N, C-alpha and C. Protein backbone atom coordinates (compact mmCIF):
# COMPACT_ATOMS: atom_id res chain seq x y z
N MET A 1 40.69 -102.46 52.43
CA MET A 1 39.26 -102.31 52.48
C MET A 1 39.09 -102.43 54.46
N ARG A 2 38.20 -101.50 54.67
CA ARG A 2 37.81 -101.68 55.92
C ARG A 2 36.56 -102.06 55.99
N VAL A 3 36.20 -102.67 57.17
CA VAL A 3 35.37 -103.02 57.53
C VAL A 3 34.67 -102.85 59.08
N VAL A 4 33.23 -102.38 58.95
CA VAL A 4 32.71 -101.95 60.35
C VAL A 4 31.24 -102.31 60.41
N ASP A 5 30.92 -102.78 62.05
CA ASP A 5 29.39 -102.71 61.96
C ASP A 5 28.63 -101.75 62.49
N ILE A 6 27.91 -101.06 62.23
CA ILE A 6 27.03 -99.96 62.70
C ILE A 6 25.59 -100.61 62.89
N VAL A 7 25.44 -99.21 64.09
CA VAL A 7 23.45 -99.42 64.07
C VAL A 7 22.92 -98.27 63.86
N LEU A 8 22.12 -98.20 63.17
CA LEU A 8 21.67 -97.27 62.53
C LEU A 8 19.86 -97.15 63.79
N ASN A 9 19.53 -96.17 64.41
CA ASN A 9 18.75 -95.91 65.29
C ASN A 9 17.74 -95.01 65.23
N GLY A 10 16.93 -95.10 63.94
CA GLY A 10 15.91 -94.23 63.54
C GLY A 10 16.39 -93.39 62.41
N PRO A 11 15.43 -92.67 61.70
CA PRO A 11 15.68 -91.68 60.52
C PRO A 11 16.68 -90.78 60.61
N GLU A 12 17.10 -90.13 61.64
CA GLU A 12 18.34 -89.13 62.06
C GLU A 12 19.68 -89.85 62.07
N HIS A 13 19.61 -90.99 62.39
CA HIS A 13 20.84 -92.09 61.81
C HIS A 13 20.79 -91.97 60.92
N VAL A 14 20.13 -92.47 59.79
CA VAL A 14 20.25 -93.00 58.69
C VAL A 14 20.66 -91.32 57.67
N SER A 15 20.25 -90.20 58.12
CA SER A 15 20.53 -89.04 57.53
C SER A 15 21.99 -88.58 57.65
N ALA A 16 22.16 -89.11 58.95
CA ALA A 16 23.87 -88.42 59.44
C ALA A 16 24.69 -89.46 58.56
N LEU A 17 24.53 -90.76 58.61
CA LEU A 17 25.21 -91.57 57.83
C LEU A 17 25.55 -91.49 56.48
N VAL A 18 24.06 -91.00 55.70
CA VAL A 18 24.28 -90.56 54.16
C VAL A 18 25.26 -89.25 53.94
N ASN A 19 25.03 -88.37 55.15
CA ASN A 19 25.94 -87.10 54.69
C ASN A 19 27.20 -87.22 54.93
N ILE A 20 27.47 -88.18 55.90
CA ILE A 20 29.02 -88.36 56.09
C ILE A 20 29.21 -88.92 54.99
N THR A 21 28.80 -90.12 54.67
CA THR A 21 29.50 -90.99 53.46
C THR A 21 29.55 -90.16 52.46
N ASN A 22 28.53 -89.62 51.99
CA ASN A 22 28.75 -88.43 50.67
C ASN A 22 30.09 -87.37 50.67
N ARG A 23 30.52 -87.20 51.90
CA ARG A 23 31.55 -86.19 51.90
C ARG A 23 33.03 -87.06 51.37
N TYR A 24 33.20 -88.17 51.06
CA TYR A 24 34.18 -88.90 50.81
C TYR A 24 34.40 -89.36 49.54
N PRO A 25 35.10 -89.39 49.13
CA PRO A 25 35.37 -90.06 47.39
C PRO A 25 35.28 -91.86 47.60
N TYR A 26 35.39 -92.52 48.50
CA TYR A 26 35.54 -93.86 48.87
C TYR A 26 34.20 -94.53 48.03
N THR A 27 34.08 -95.67 47.76
CA THR A 27 33.36 -96.44 47.22
C THR A 27 32.65 -97.03 48.55
N ILE A 28 31.29 -97.10 49.30
CA ILE A 28 30.96 -97.53 50.39
C ILE A 28 30.03 -97.89 50.56
N GLN A 29 30.01 -99.38 50.56
CA GLN A 29 28.47 -100.37 50.83
C GLN A 29 28.27 -100.64 51.96
N LEU A 30 26.76 -101.43 52.05
CA LEU A 30 26.26 -101.74 53.09
C LEU A 30 25.88 -103.12 53.18
N ARG A 31 25.87 -104.21 53.69
CA ARG A 31 25.88 -105.06 53.67
C ARG A 31 24.92 -105.63 55.13
N GLN A 32 23.79 -106.41 54.90
CA GLN A 32 23.14 -107.15 55.81
C GLN A 32 22.44 -108.57 54.88
N GLY A 33 22.66 -109.56 55.43
CA GLY A 33 22.28 -110.54 55.23
C GLY A 33 22.75 -110.68 53.75
N ARG A 34 22.21 -111.09 53.01
CA ARG A 34 21.99 -110.87 51.71
C ARG A 34 21.65 -110.06 50.65
N TYR A 35 21.55 -108.78 51.41
CA TYR A 35 21.16 -107.46 50.73
C TYR A 35 22.52 -106.65 50.80
N VAL A 36 22.88 -105.75 49.66
CA VAL A 36 23.93 -105.11 49.62
C VAL A 36 23.44 -103.77 49.07
N VAL A 37 23.82 -102.69 49.59
CA VAL A 37 23.12 -101.06 48.93
C VAL A 37 24.45 -99.98 49.26
N ASP A 38 24.02 -99.08 48.38
CA ASP A 38 25.10 -97.89 48.28
C ASP A 38 25.21 -97.67 49.50
N GLY A 39 26.29 -97.09 50.38
CA GLY A 39 25.91 -96.42 51.21
C GLY A 39 26.05 -95.12 51.24
N LYS A 40 26.11 -94.44 49.74
CA LYS A 40 25.73 -92.79 49.70
C LYS A 40 24.14 -92.91 49.31
N SER A 41 23.12 -93.72 49.11
CA SER A 41 22.15 -93.53 48.58
C SER A 41 20.79 -93.66 50.12
N ILE A 42 20.31 -92.64 49.98
CA ILE A 42 19.31 -92.52 51.25
C ILE A 42 18.25 -93.81 50.91
N LEU A 43 17.71 -93.76 49.84
CA LEU A 43 17.13 -94.71 49.41
C LEU A 43 17.31 -96.32 49.85
N GLY A 44 18.59 -96.75 49.24
CA GLY A 44 19.21 -97.72 49.80
C GLY A 44 19.40 -98.31 51.31
N VAL A 45 20.03 -97.07 51.56
CA VAL A 45 20.21 -97.32 53.44
C VAL A 45 18.66 -97.40 54.03
N CYS A 46 17.99 -96.60 53.56
CA CYS A 46 16.20 -96.76 54.32
C CYS A 46 15.53 -98.34 53.79
N SER A 47 15.93 -98.92 53.03
CA SER A 47 15.84 -100.44 52.73
C SER A 47 16.06 -101.10 53.54
N LEU A 48 17.03 -101.20 54.45
CA LEU A 48 18.22 -102.00 55.45
C LEU A 48 16.58 -102.05 56.65
N GLN A 49 17.12 -103.33 57.12
CA GLN A 49 15.99 -103.38 58.55
C GLN A 49 17.22 -102.51 59.29
N GLN A 50 16.67 -101.63 60.13
CA GLN A 50 17.15 -100.84 60.88
C GLN A 50 17.74 -101.37 62.69
N SER A 51 16.76 -102.49 62.62
CA SER A 51 16.80 -102.51 64.15
C SER A 51 18.06 -103.91 64.36
N LYS A 52 18.59 -103.83 63.46
CA LYS A 52 19.87 -105.26 63.30
C LYS A 52 21.28 -104.61 62.71
N PRO A 53 22.25 -105.02 63.34
CA PRO A 53 23.49 -104.24 62.98
C PRO A 53 23.82 -104.81 61.16
N ILE A 54 24.50 -103.45 60.82
CA ILE A 54 24.72 -103.82 59.32
C ILE A 54 26.16 -103.57 59.21
N THR A 55 27.01 -103.97 58.04
CA THR A 55 28.43 -103.96 58.04
C THR A 55 28.46 -103.18 56.82
N LEU A 56 29.27 -102.53 57.20
CA LEU A 56 29.77 -100.95 56.45
C LEU A 56 31.07 -101.53 55.98
N GLU A 57 31.25 -101.30 54.31
CA GLU A 57 32.34 -101.82 53.85
C GLU A 57 32.98 -100.61 53.17
N VAL A 58 34.17 -100.42 53.51
CA VAL A 58 35.08 -99.14 52.67
C VAL A 58 36.01 -99.67 52.11
N TYR A 59 35.93 -99.06 50.70
CA TYR A 59 37.08 -99.63 49.70
C TYR A 59 38.37 -98.74 49.95
N SER A 60 39.09 -98.74 50.75
CA SER A 60 39.75 -97.81 51.03
C SER A 60 40.53 -98.10 52.05
N ASP A 61 41.72 -98.24 51.85
CA ASP A 61 43.14 -98.65 53.44
C ASP A 61 43.29 -97.36 54.00
N HIS A 62 42.86 -96.00 53.29
CA HIS A 62 43.25 -94.77 53.97
C HIS A 62 42.19 -93.79 54.32
N CYS A 63 41.11 -94.49 55.01
CA CYS A 63 40.00 -93.68 55.34
C CYS A 63 39.82 -93.95 56.95
N ASP A 64 40.72 -93.30 57.52
CA ASP A 64 40.48 -93.30 59.30
C ASP A 64 39.91 -92.15 59.44
N THR A 65 39.90 -90.85 58.93
CA THR A 65 38.78 -89.52 59.10
C THR A 65 37.16 -90.19 58.92
N LEU A 66 37.07 -90.85 57.81
CA LEU A 66 35.64 -91.58 57.84
C LEU A 66 35.24 -92.27 58.91
N ILE A 67 36.22 -93.11 59.49
CA ILE A 67 35.97 -93.96 60.79
C ILE A 67 35.65 -93.20 61.78
N GLU A 68 36.38 -91.86 61.86
CA GLU A 68 36.31 -91.30 62.94
C GLU A 68 34.89 -90.28 63.08
N ASP A 69 34.35 -90.15 62.11
CA ASP A 69 33.32 -89.46 61.71
C ASP A 69 32.32 -90.05 62.11
N LEU A 70 32.21 -91.49 61.76
CA LEU A 70 31.09 -92.61 61.78
C LEU A 70 31.06 -93.11 63.28
N GLN A 71 31.56 -92.92 64.01
CA GLN A 71 32.06 -93.29 65.56
C GLN A 71 31.03 -93.35 66.52
N PRO A 72 30.08 -92.69 66.32
CA PRO A 72 28.96 -92.44 66.90
C PRO A 72 27.67 -93.50 66.56
N LEU A 73 27.99 -94.50 65.31
CA LEU A 73 27.24 -95.01 64.59
C LEU A 73 27.74 -96.64 64.85
N ILE A 74 29.13 -96.39 65.20
CA ILE A 74 29.52 -98.00 65.06
C ILE A 74 29.12 -98.77 66.40
N CYS A 75 28.85 -100.20 66.24
CA CYS A 75 28.62 -101.03 67.35
C CYS A 75 29.79 -101.02 68.46
């Protein structure tokens, strides 16, 4: 499992995140406080508070290309 913190600054970042995560077969979850949502669901991602860091959890050890694609969003 890989864990990184991301920041979403507006709807264009939300859209970019969902587009990127949907390209990969891994299970991806976003965690903020006690809330956990599917990282591939635009409604789930929109339900999180975007002004605070969000923890992205990827349930795979071989996800280097996904992490590279998400680099602009990583804190």
